[in-house]
Each structure stands twice: as structure tokens, then as C-alpha cells.
Amino acid sequence: MSLVFAGVCSHAPGITGRAHLAEPAARDAFYAGMAQMRAELEAAQPDAVIVMAAEHFANFFMNNMPAFAMGMGKRYDAPIEDPAWLGIEKVQVPGNPELSKRLITEVMQSVDVAFAEEWKFDHGIIVPLHFLTPRYDKNIIPVNINCQGPPLTPLHRAWAFGDALRGACDKVTERIALVGTGGISHWPATPDSGRVNWEWDQRFMDHWCRNDKDAMLAYTDEETLRDAGQGGFEIRTFMAVAAAARGLGKILHCAPIPIFAVSCTAATMAVV
């Protein structure tokens, strides 16, 4: 098989942009979890990294909001946000159009997916890459699942997409790493920003680590919005990773850091 690594992590902009405001011990513990995730990713020696995120209206808008999109560019500029605000300098991230095309073509056999040759990375992708591929020397294939504009991509379709992506990875000879990024519970750009539902996060991550498909697909958007905020919709990327990896998960770090406005999470999953 060619999927050699799978993991998930948080991508909140405060992780880099407000690092100086966080309680040092809490921040450093999370950074250590991300460093461990990076070490495991590097040990897998991937030729390319698929980063599955939730777009924040940086490239896709309500005039054209695909349920799924994959990048097919030669290179990607990042971040789309102000570097001074995000705490990450402007970079160009390499892509692999030929590999992307082969993966997209195979995914299309079972799941409809849009593709884009132009894509500017926002914090959803570049914050994880800042920690996981800090030299920006790995070919990156970006993926977006619509977690933003209703009607949102249904959870069972996000699972089907992850399964299709695994099938596509199995068809190529390159070694592929898969990283899903997102929440978990958070209320971005609202008066509740900084609120975290730690109990909800622990329960969801328990389902994820056990790769409990039925439990994860039982969530409803209404319940998620109520209990985990609109940022909780990003569980779709975590579910897609679980569908692709098919193994059991291991939490490297998961704890609330309110100034980062999220339970800061880093976890890996065995690929079986």
C-alpha cells in the first residue's frame, strides 16, 4: 500500500499568531505533540503529503462551493492572510500536478471531486505545514471539504471521500502521507471565541481513536453547532482520515488552550 502515514491536528491561526500570549507550559506541550507528529511523518518517508482542511472562504465562496476539492498545482502561495497576523512568513509550497491528477482521476471513480490548479493556502493548511514540514520541501496536495457554506458536505459523504482517497493512494507507487486538519470544538469569529467544550472534544476523539464509524456518523450538524460551535463542523476532515487509514488512533496531545481558541490536538492513526 502507498498510504504510509495518517494523522490529524488543529489549525487555528492563534497557534502561531498568538503564541506569545499563551501560557508557556501549555503551548510548549502542544508544540511537543506536533514535533512528535512531525517525527512520525518524516519516519514514514512520504513522497507527498495530502493535507485535508476546511477552507475559510479564501479560495471557494458561496458562488462556487464544491463539496470536495483537490489541488493540482505546480506550487502554492501561502499564507493568504497577513504574515504579521498569522506569524508565518510568505512561502511557496511545491505541488505535484501529475501525481495529483492520477489521484483525482481515481477518486472520481466513486466520489465527485472538483480540482484547482490555483490555490492560496490559508491558515487551515499552512499552520500545520509550519510544524510538520517546516522546510516546505515535500510535495503538497491540498484537499478541501466543505465545512463552511450550508448545505455542508454530509458526514457519510466525507467518510466515502476518505475511503475513495485511500483507494486512490493504493493505486499509485508514491508513498503518501495524509493529514486532516481542523477543530475540534470552537466558535471562531463570534463573541464565544475562545470557548472550548472539552468534554465534547474528549468524546469525539475517543470515537476517532477507536475508528468507530457508527459513532462518528451519528453526529448531526444541529447538535454539533449547539455543542461544539460552527468550528466543530471540521470533524469531517478527521472522519475522512479515519476512513482512509482504517486503523486505531493515538493522541499525541489534546488539551484546551483558550487563547488559541481550540482544544489543541495532534494525533496519528495506524494505516491498515
C-alpha atoms as a PDB file:
ATOM      1  CA  MET A   1       0.000   0.000   0.000  1.00  0.00           C
ATOM      2  CA  SER A   2       1.121   3.557  -0.642  1.00  0.00           C
ATOM      3  CA  LEU A   3      -0.580   5.350   2.250  1.00  0.00           C
ATOM      4  CA  VAL A   4       2.247   5.353   4.760  1.00  0.00           C
ATOM      5  CA  PHE A   5       1.107   7.880   7.369  1.00  0.00           C
ATOM      6  CA  ALA A   6      -2.168   9.289   8.673  1.00  0.00           C
ATOM      7  CA  GLY A   7      -2.807  11.916  11.299  1.00  0.00           C
ATOM      8  CA  VAL A   8      -4.910  14.875  12.358  1.00  0.00           C
ATOM      9  CA  CYS A   9      -4.142  18.178  14.006  1.00  0.00           C
ATOM     10  CA  SER A  10      -5.569  21.575  14.855  1.00  0.00           C
ATOM     11  CA  HIS A  11      -5.037  24.532  12.540  1.00  0.00           C
ATOM     12  CA  ALA A  12      -6.294  27.570  14.477  1.00  0.00           C
ATOM     13  CA  PRO A  13      -4.473  30.781  13.466  1.00  0.00           C
ATOM     14  CA  GLY A  14      -3.746  31.652  17.084  1.00  0.00           C
ATOM     15  CA  ILE A  15      -1.440  28.632  17.315  1.00  0.00           C
ATOM     16  CA  THR A  16       1.197  30.695  15.534  1.00  0.00           C
ATOM     17  CA  GLY A  17      -0.243  34.214  15.609  1.00  0.00           C
ATOM     18  CA  ARG A  18      -0.840  34.397  19.361  1.00  0.00           C
ATOM     19  CA  ALA A  19       1.886  32.054  20.545  1.00  0.00           C
ATOM     20  CA  HIS A  20       3.410  34.765  22.734  1.00  0.00           C
ATOM     21  CA  LEU A  21       0.135  35.175  24.646  1.00  0.00           C
ATOM     22  CA  ALA A  22      -0.292  31.513  25.597  1.00  0.00           C
ATOM     23  CA  GLU A  23       0.687  30.032  28.929  1.00  0.00           C
ATOM     24  CA  PRO A  24       4.183  28.723  28.109  1.00  0.00           C
ATOM     25  CA  ALA A  25       3.829  25.230  29.580  1.00  0.00           C
ATOM     26  CA  ALA A  26       0.528  24.596  27.768  1.00  0.00           C
ATOM     27  CA  ARG A  27       1.855  25.971  24.492  1.00  0.00           C
ATOM     28  CA  ASP A  28       5.106  24.031  24.679  1.00  0.00           C
ATOM     29  CA  ALA A  29       3.297  20.770  25.463  1.00  0.00           C
ATOM     30  CA  PHE A  30       1.217  21.184  22.317  1.00  0.00           C
ATOM     31  CA  TYR A  31       4.245  22.120  20.251  1.00  0.00           C
ATOM     32  CA  ALA A  32       5.960  18.977  21.555  1.00  0.00           C
ATOM     33  CA  GLY A  33       2.996  16.917  20.363  1.00  0.00           C
ATOM     34  CA  MET A  34       3.283  18.494  16.927  1.00  0.00           C
ATOM     35  CA  ALA A  35       7.031  17.792  16.925  1.00  0.00           C
ATOM     36  CA  GLN A  36       6.326  14.117  17.656  1.00  0.00           C
ATOM     37  CA  MET A  37       3.791  14.053  14.833  1.00  0.00           C
ATOM     38  CA  ARG A  38       6.383  15.579  12.525  1.00  0.00           C
ATOM     39  CA  ALA A  39       8.939  12.941  13.552  1.00  0.00           C
ATOM     40  CA  GLU A  40       6.485  10.130  12.790  1.00  0.00           C
ATOM     41  CA  LEU A  41       5.588  11.686   9.445  1.00  0.00           C
ATOM     42  CA  GLU A  42       9.251  12.069   8.494  1.00  0.00           C
ATOM     43  CA  ALA A  43       9.995   8.491   9.564  1.00  0.00           C
ATOM     44  CA  ALA A  44       7.360   7.304   7.074  1.00  0.00           C
ATOM     45  CA  GLN A  45       9.405   8.944   4.285  1.00  0.00           C
ATOM     46  CA  PRO A  46       6.476  10.158   2.174  1.00  0.00           C
ATOM     47  CA  ASP A  47       6.963  11.432  -1.357  1.00  0.00           C
ATOM     48  CA  ALA A  48       3.924  13.688  -0.991  1.00  0.00           C
ATOM     49  CA  VAL A  49       1.630  14.907   1.767  1.00  0.00           C
ATOM     50  CA  ILE A  50      -2.111  15.283   1.268  1.00  0.00           C
ATOM     51  CA  VAL A  51      -3.378  17.994   3.622  1.00  0.00           C
ATOM     52  CA  MET A  52      -7.137  17.846   4.083  1.00  0.00           C
ATOM     53  CA  ALA A  53      -8.588  21.020   5.541  1.00  0.00           C
ATOM     54  CA  ALA A  54     -11.700  23.125   5.844  1.00  0.00           C
ATOM     55  CA  GLU A  55     -11.475  26.250   3.702  1.00  0.00           C
ATOM     56  CA  HIS A  56     -12.302  29.611   5.264  1.00  0.00           C
ATOM     57  CA  PHE A  57     -13.667  31.395   2.160  1.00  0.00           C
ATOM     58  CA  ALA A  58     -10.130  32.072   0.962  1.00  0.00           C
ATOM     59  CA  ASN A  59     -10.499  30.324  -2.418  1.00  0.00           C
ATOM     60  CA  PHE A  60     -14.026  28.934  -2.520  1.00  0.00           C
ATOM     61  CA  PHE A  61     -17.055  31.138  -1.997  1.00  0.00           C
ATOM     62  CA  MET A  62     -20.823  30.808  -1.986  1.00  0.00           C
ATOM     63  CA  ASN A  63     -20.888  31.411  -5.761  1.00  0.00           C
ATOM     64  CA  ASN A  64     -18.952  28.139  -6.209  1.00  0.00           C
ATOM     65  CA  MET A  65     -18.646  25.891  -3.151  1.00  0.00           C
ATOM     66  CA  PRO A  66     -17.646  22.315  -4.015  1.00  0.00           C
ATOM     67  CA  ALA A  67     -18.343  19.519  -1.576  1.00  0.00           C
ATOM     68  CA  PHE A  68     -14.787  18.266  -2.199  1.00  0.00           C
ATOM     69  CA  ALA A  69     -11.852  19.868  -3.999  1.00  0.00           C
ATOM     70  CA  MET A  70      -8.264  18.772  -4.597  1.00  0.00           C
ATOM     71  CA  GLY A  71      -5.294  20.817  -5.714  1.00  0.00           C
ATOM     72  CA  MET A  72      -3.475  20.117  -8.957  1.00  0.00           C
ATOM     73  CA  GLY A  73      -0.984  22.992  -8.958  1.00  0.00           C
ATOM     74  CA  LYS A  74       2.761  23.135  -9.501  1.00  0.00           C
ATOM     75  CA  ARG A  75       3.154  25.390  -6.477  1.00  0.00           C
ATOM     76  CA  TYR A  76       1.009  27.133  -3.901  1.00  0.00           C
ATOM     77  CA  ASP A  77       1.461  30.533  -2.269  1.00  0.00           C
ATOM     78  CA  ALA A  78       0.910  30.920   1.465  1.00  0.00           C
ATOM     79  CA  PRO A  79      -0.341  32.313   3.686  1.00  0.00           C
ATOM     80  CA  ILE A  80      -3.241  34.220   2.166  1.00  0.00           C
ATOM     81  CA  GLU A  81      -3.522  36.065   5.493  1.00  0.00           C
ATOM     82  CA  ASP A  82      -1.236  38.856   6.707  1.00  0.00           C
ATOM     83  CA  PRO A  83       2.026  37.164   7.757  1.00  0.00           C
ATOM     84  CA  ALA A  84       2.391  39.541  10.694  1.00  0.00           C
ATOM     85  CA  TRP A  85      -1.033  38.500  11.985  1.00  0.00           C
ATOM     86  CA  LEU A  86      -0.526  34.768  11.393  1.00  0.00           C
ATOM     87  CA  GLY A  87       3.121  34.649  12.463  1.00  0.00           C
ATOM     88  CA  ILE A  88       4.191  32.785   9.305  1.00  0.00           C
ATOM     89  CA  GLU A  89       6.209  34.396   6.535  1.00  0.00           C
ATOM     90  CA  LYS A  90       5.221  34.189   2.881  1.00  0.00           C
ATOM     91  CA  VAL A  91       6.381  30.960   1.238  1.00  0.00           C
ATOM     92  CA  GLN A  92       5.856  28.931  -1.912  1.00  0.00           C
ATOM     93  CA  VAL A  93       4.908  25.325  -1.293  1.00  0.00           C
ATOM     94  CA  PRO A  94       5.661  22.748  -4.007  1.00  0.00           C
ATOM     95  CA  GLY A  95       2.916  20.655  -5.570  1.00  0.00           C
ATOM     96  CA  ASN A  96       2.933  17.670  -7.886  1.00  0.00           C
ATOM     97  CA  PRO A  97       0.370  18.137 -10.680  1.00  0.00           C
ATOM     98  CA  GLU A  98       0.987  14.760 -12.270  1.00  0.00           C
ATOM     99  CA  LEU A  99       0.522  12.826  -9.031  1.00  0.00           C
ATOM    100  CA  SER A 100      -2.488  14.965  -8.130  1.00  0.00           C
ATOM    101  CA  LYS A 101      -4.096  14.200 -11.482  1.00  0.00           C
ATOM    102  CA  ARG A 102      -3.673  10.462 -11.012  1.00  0.00           C
ATOM    103  CA  LEU A 103      -5.165  10.587  -7.519  1.00  0.00           C
ATOM    104  CA  ILE A 104      -8.055  12.821  -8.600  1.00  0.00           C
ATOM    105  CA  THR A 105      -8.812  10.592 -11.564  1.00  0.00           C
ATOM    106  CA  GLU A 106      -9.039   7.562  -9.304  1.00  0.00           C
ATOM    107  CA  VAL A 107     -11.107   9.308  -6.606  1.00  0.00           C
ATOM    108  CA  MET A 108     -13.559  10.341  -9.333  1.00  0.00           C
ATOM    109  CA  GLN A 109     -14.368   6.705  -9.984  1.00  0.00           C
ATOM    110  CA  SER A 110     -16.536   6.725  -6.859  1.00  0.00           C
ATOM    111  CA  VAL A 111     -16.787  10.297  -5.497  1.00  0.00           C
ATOM    112  CA  ASP A 112     -17.282  13.518  -7.442  1.00  0.00           C
ATOM    113  CA  VAL A 113     -14.456  15.954  -6.708  1.00  0.00           C
ATOM    114  CA  ALA A 114     -13.564  19.399  -8.038  1.00  0.00           C
ATOM    115  CA  PHE A 115      -9.963  20.345  -8.715  1.00  0.00           C
ATOM    116  CA  ALA A 116      -7.993  23.574  -8.844  1.00  0.00           C
ATOM    117  CA  GLU A 117      -4.623  24.432 -10.361  1.00  0.00           C
ATOM    118  CA  GLU A 118      -4.550  27.729  -8.431  1.00  0.00           C
ATOM    119  CA  TRP A 119      -4.905  27.701  -4.657  1.00  0.00           C
ATOM    120  CA  LYS A 120      -3.651  30.100  -1.992  1.00  0.00           C
ATOM    121  CA  PHE A 121      -3.245  28.360   1.340  1.00  0.00           C
ATOM    122  CA  ASP A 122      -4.872  29.926   4.354  1.00  0.00           C
ATOM    123  CA  HIS A 123      -4.146  29.012   7.978  1.00  0.00           C
ATOM    124  CA  GLY A 124      -6.070  25.741   7.628  1.00  0.00           C
ATOM    125  CA  ILE A 125      -3.169  24.287   5.644  1.00  0.00           C
ATOM    126  CA  ILE A 126      -0.124  26.463   6.310  1.00  0.00           C
ATOM    127  CA  VAL A 127      -0.268  26.352  10.134  1.00  0.00           C
ATOM    128  CA  PRO A 128       0.007  22.526  10.153  1.00  0.00           C
ATOM    129  CA  LEU A 129       2.732  22.636   7.478  1.00  0.00           C
ATOM    130  CA  HIS A 130       4.657  25.185   9.565  1.00  0.00           C
ATOM    131  CA  PHE A 131       5.077  22.439  12.176  1.00  0.00           C
ATOM    132  CA  LEU A 132       5.039  19.250  10.087  1.00  0.00           C
ATOM    133  CA  THR A 133       7.094  20.252   7.019  1.00  0.00           C
ATOM    134  CA  PRO A 134       8.870  23.424   8.194  1.00  0.00           C
ATOM    135  CA  ARG A 135      11.365  23.328   5.319  1.00  0.00           C
ATOM    136  CA  TYR A 136       8.465  23.194   2.837  1.00  0.00           C
ATOM    137  CA  ASP A 137      10.375  20.559   0.934  1.00  0.00           C
ATOM    138  CA  LYS A 138       7.576  17.994   0.491  1.00  0.00           C
ATOM    139  CA  ASN A 139       5.147  17.971  -2.415  1.00  0.00           C
ATOM    140  CA  ILE A 140       1.773  19.012  -1.027  1.00  0.00           C
ATOM    141  CA  ILE A 141      -1.656  18.094  -2.371  1.00  0.00           C
ATOM    142  CA  PRO A 142      -4.330  20.262  -0.753  1.00  0.00           C
ATOM    143  CA  VAL A 143      -7.854  18.984  -0.181  1.00  0.00           C
ATOM    144  CA  ASN A 144     -10.899  20.933   0.928  1.00  0.00           C
ATOM    145  CA  ILE A 145     -14.098  19.506   2.388  1.00  0.00           C
ATOM    146  CA  ASN A 146     -16.959  21.975   2.626  1.00  0.00           C
ATOM    147  CA  CYS A 147     -17.384  22.634   6.338  1.00  0.00           C
ATOM    148  CA  GLN A 148     -18.253  26.299   5.812  1.00  0.00           C
ATOM    149  CA  GLY A 149     -21.169  27.019   3.490  1.00  0.00           C
ATOM    150  CA  PRO A 150     -24.517  25.258   4.021  1.00  0.00           C
ATOM    151  CA  PRO A 151     -25.562  22.821   2.806  1.00  0.00           C
ATOM    152  CA  LEU A 152     -22.441  21.261   4.275  1.00  0.00           C
ATOM    153  CA  THR A 153     -20.910  18.086   2.911  1.00  0.00           C
ATOM    154  CA  PRO A 154     -22.783  15.244   4.670  1.00  0.00           C
ATOM    155  CA  LEU A 155     -20.740  13.259   7.150  1.00  0.00           C
ATOM    156  CA  HIS A 156     -21.273   9.962   5.361  1.00  0.00           C
ATOM    157  CA  ARG A 157     -20.013  11.536   2.142  1.00  0.00           C
ATOM    158  CA  ALA A 158     -16.889  12.778   3.932  1.00  0.00           C
ATOM    159  CA  TRP A 159     -16.343   9.168   5.040  1.00  0.00           C
ATOM    160  CA  ALA A 160     -16.872   7.931   1.480  1.00  0.00           C
ATOM    161  CA  PHE A 161     -14.373  10.502   0.228  1.00  0.00           C
ATOM    162  CA  GLY A 162     -11.750   9.295   2.698  1.00  0.00           C
ATOM    163  CA  ASP A 163     -12.355   5.733   1.603  1.00  0.00           C
ATOM    164  CA  ALA A 164     -12.039   6.742  -2.065  1.00  0.00           C
ATOM    165  CA  LEU A 165      -8.849   8.639  -1.304  1.00  0.00           C
ATOM    166  CA  ARG A 166      -7.395   5.524   0.299  1.00  0.00           C
ATOM    167  CA  GLY A 167      -8.265   3.549  -2.811  1.00  0.00           C
ATOM    168  CA  ALA A 168      -6.538   6.157  -4.949  1.00  0.00           C
ATOM    169  CA  CYS A 169      -3.413   6.087  -2.780  1.00  0.00           C
ATOM    170  CA  ASP A 170      -3.313   2.306  -3.093  1.00  0.00           C
ATOM    171  CA  LYS A 171      -3.187   2.654  -6.883  1.00  0.00           C
ATOM    172  CA  VAL A 172      -0.031   4.800  -7.006  1.00  0.00           C
ATOM    173  CA  THR A 173       3.560   3.810  -6.308  1.00  0.00           C
ATOM    174  CA  GLU A 174       4.483   7.010  -4.453  1.00  0.00           C
ATOM    175  CA  ARG A 175       4.490   6.993  -0.664  1.00  0.00           C
ATOM    176  CA  ILE A 176       1.651   9.208   0.549  1.00  0.00           C
ATOM    177  CA  ALA A 177       1.072  10.839   3.929  1.00  0.00           C
ATOM    178  CA  LEU A 178      -2.401  12.089   4.845  1.00  0.00           C
ATOM    179  CA  VAL A 179      -3.042  14.855   7.372  1.00  0.00           C
ATOM    180  CA  GLY A 180      -6.509  16.084   8.327  1.00  0.00           C
ATOM    181  CA  THR A 181      -6.732  19.490   9.973  1.00  0.00           C
ATOM    182  CA  GLY A 182      -9.454  21.356  11.794  1.00  0.00           C
ATOM    183  CA  GLY A 183     -11.245  21.862  15.119  1.00  0.00           C
ATOM    184  CA  ILE A 184     -12.279  20.266  17.301  1.00  0.00           C
ATOM    185  CA  SER A 185     -14.880  22.382  19.179  1.00  0.00           C
ATOM    186  CA  HIS A 186     -14.513  26.128  18.672  1.00  0.00           C
ATOM    187  CA  TRP A 187     -16.535  29.222  17.962  1.00  0.00           C
ATOM    188  CA  PRO A 188     -14.336  31.315  15.613  1.00  0.00           C
ATOM    189  CA  ALA A 189     -15.204  34.938  14.803  1.00  0.00           C
ATOM    190  CA  THR A 190     -18.057  35.012  17.317  1.00  0.00           C
ATOM    191  CA  PRO A 191     -18.482  36.511  20.798  1.00  0.00           C
ATOM    192  CA  ASP A 192     -17.801  32.982  22.101  1.00  0.00           C
ATOM    193  CA  SER A 193     -14.337  32.827  20.507  1.00  0.00           C
ATOM    194  CA  GLY A 194     -12.010  31.156  22.984  1.00  0.00           C
ATOM    195  CA  ARG A 195     -14.722  28.883  24.343  1.00  0.00           C
ATOM    196  CA  VAL A 196     -13.904  25.166  24.233  1.00  0.00           C
ATOM    197  CA  ASN A 197     -16.188  22.217  25.021  1.00  0.00           C
ATOM    198  CA  TRP A 198     -13.530  19.923  26.428  1.00  0.00           C
ATOM    199  CA  GLU A 199     -15.929  17.096  27.276  1.00  0.00           C
ATOM    200  CA  TRP A 200     -17.279  17.052  23.712  1.00  0.00           C
ATOM    201  CA  ASP A 201     -13.744  17.050  22.316  1.00  0.00           C
ATOM    202  CA  GLN A 202     -12.684  14.128  24.505  1.00  0.00           C
ATOM    203  CA  ARG A 203     -15.738  12.125  23.490  1.00  0.00           C
ATOM    204  CA  PHE A 204     -15.217  12.739  19.789  1.00  0.00           C
ATOM    205  CA  MET A 205     -11.512  11.903  19.944  1.00  0.00           C
ATOM    206  CA  ASP A 206     -12.363   8.656  21.753  1.00  0.00           C
ATOM    207  CA  HIS A 207     -14.648   7.736  18.833  1.00  0.00           C
ATOM    208  CA  TRP A 208     -11.901   8.740  16.396  1.00  0.00           C
ATOM    209  CA  CYS A 209      -9.157   6.749  18.127  1.00  0.00           C
ATOM    210  CA  ARG A 210     -11.355   3.649  18.112  1.00  0.00           C
ATOM    211  CA  ASN A 211     -12.252   4.351  14.474  1.00  0.00           C
ATOM    212  CA  ASP A 212     -15.880   3.978  15.485  1.00  0.00           C
ATOM    213  CA  LYS A 213     -17.592   4.789  12.206  1.00  0.00           C
ATOM    214  CA  ASP A 214     -21.119   4.417  13.526  1.00  0.00           C
ATOM    215  CA  ALA A 215     -20.490   6.738  16.476  1.00  0.00           C
ATOM    216  CA  MET A 216     -18.862   9.413  14.324  1.00  0.00           C
ATOM    217  CA  LEU A 217     -21.538   9.318  11.640  1.00  0.00           C
ATOM    218  CA  ALA A 218     -24.245   9.595  14.304  1.00  0.00           C
ATOM    219  CA  TYR A 219     -23.374  13.260  14.916  1.00  0.00           C
ATOM    220  CA  THR A 220     -25.834  15.778  13.489  1.00  0.00           C
ATOM    221  CA  ASP A 221     -24.969  19.283  12.349  1.00  0.00           C
ATOM    222  CA  GLU A 222     -27.603  20.712  14.683  1.00  0.00           C
ATOM    223  CA  GLU A 223     -26.078  19.005  17.713  1.00  0.00           C
ATOM    224  CA  THR A 224     -22.542  19.867  16.642  1.00  0.00           C
ATOM    225  CA  LEU A 225     -23.409  23.549  16.188  1.00  0.00           C
ATOM    226  CA  ARG A 226     -25.026  23.614  19.622  1.00  0.00           C
ATOM    227  CA  ASP A 227     -22.306  21.739  21.486  1.00  0.00           C
ATOM    228  CA  ALA A 228     -19.121  22.443  19.515  1.00  0.00           C
ATOM    229  CA  GLY A 229     -19.775  25.629  17.565  1.00  0.00           C
ATOM    230  CA  GLN A 230     -19.568  26.127  13.835  1.00  0.00           C
ATOM    231  CA  GLY A 231     -15.895  25.190  14.042  1.00  0.00           C
ATOM    232  CA  GLY A 232     -16.995  21.719  15.105  1.00  0.00           C
ATOM    233  CA  PHE A 233     -18.158  21.076  11.555  1.00  0.00           C
ATOM    234  CA  GLU A 234     -14.492  20.448  10.730  1.00  0.00           C
ATOM    235  CA  ILE A 235     -14.772  16.945  12.217  1.00  0.00           C
ATOM    236  CA  ARG A 236     -15.367  15.981   8.582  1.00  0.00           C
ATOM    237  CA  THR A 237     -11.627  16.079   7.882  1.00  0.00           C
ATOM    238  CA  PHE A 238     -10.904  13.867  10.911  1.00  0.00           C
ATOM    239  CA  MET A 239     -13.550  11.376   9.772  1.00  0.00           C
ATOM    240  CA  ALA A 240     -12.142  11.236   6.257  1.00  0.00           C
ATOM    241  CA  VAL A 241      -8.697  10.433   7.656  1.00  0.00           C
ATOM    242  CA  ALA A 242     -10.176   7.631   9.776  1.00  0.00           C
ATOM    243  CA  ALA A 243     -11.934   6.220   6.710  1.00  0.00           C
ATOM    244  CA  ALA A 244      -8.671   6.269   4.759  1.00  0.00           C
ATOM    245  CA  ALA A 245      -6.377   4.879   7.465  1.00  0.00           C
ATOM    246  CA  ARG A 246      -8.768   2.175   8.767  1.00  0.00           C
ATOM    247  CA  GLY A 247      -6.698   1.640  11.925  1.00  0.00           C
ATOM    248  CA  LEU A 248      -6.680   2.830  15.523  1.00  0.00           C
ATOM    249  CA  GLY A 249      -5.639   6.296  16.614  1.00  0.00           C
ATOM    250  CA  LYS A 250      -3.125   7.566  19.135  1.00  0.00           C
ATOM    251  CA  ILE A 251      -3.401  11.000  20.758  1.00  0.00           C
ATOM    252  CA  LEU A 252      -0.098  12.830  20.997  1.00  0.00           C
ATOM    253  CA  HIS A 253      -1.668  15.906  22.547  1.00  0.00           C
ATOM    254  CA  CYS A 254      -5.184  17.164  23.147  1.00  0.00           C
ATOM    255  CA  ALA A 255      -5.898  19.928  25.627  1.00  0.00           C
ATOM    256  CA  PRO A 256      -7.700  23.276  25.601  1.00  0.00           C
ATOM    257  CA  ILE A 257      -5.631  26.410  25.077  1.00  0.00           C
ATOM    258  CA  PRO A 258      -8.246  29.199  25.201  1.00  0.00           C
ATOM    259  CA  ILE A 259      -6.000  31.901  23.717  1.00  0.00           C
ATOM    260  CA  PHE A 260      -5.665  29.626  20.678  1.00  0.00           C
ATOM    261  CA  ALA A 261      -9.472  29.248  20.791  1.00  0.00           C
ATOM    262  CA  VAL A 262      -9.448  25.467  20.440  1.00  0.00           C
ATOM    263  CA  SER A 263      -8.521  22.163  22.071  1.00  0.00           C
ATOM    264  CA  CYS A 264      -5.101  21.852  20.503  1.00  0.00           C
ATOM    265  CA  THR A 265      -4.863  18.381  19.051  1.00  0.00           C
ATOM    266  CA  ALA A 266      -2.207  16.224  17.422  1.00  0.00           C
ATOM    267  CA  ALA A 267      -2.918  12.555  16.771  1.00  0.00           C
ATOM    268  CA  THR A 268      -1.845   9.775  14.452  1.00  0.00           C
ATOM    269  CA  MET A 269      -3.656   6.701  13.191  1.00  0.00           C
ATOM    270  CA  ALA A 270      -2.282   3.342  12.132  1.00  0.00           C
ATOM    271  CA  VAL A 271      -2.678   2.590   8.434  1.00  0.00           C
ATOM    272  CA  VAL A 272      -4.021  -0.931   7.927  1.00  0.00           C
END
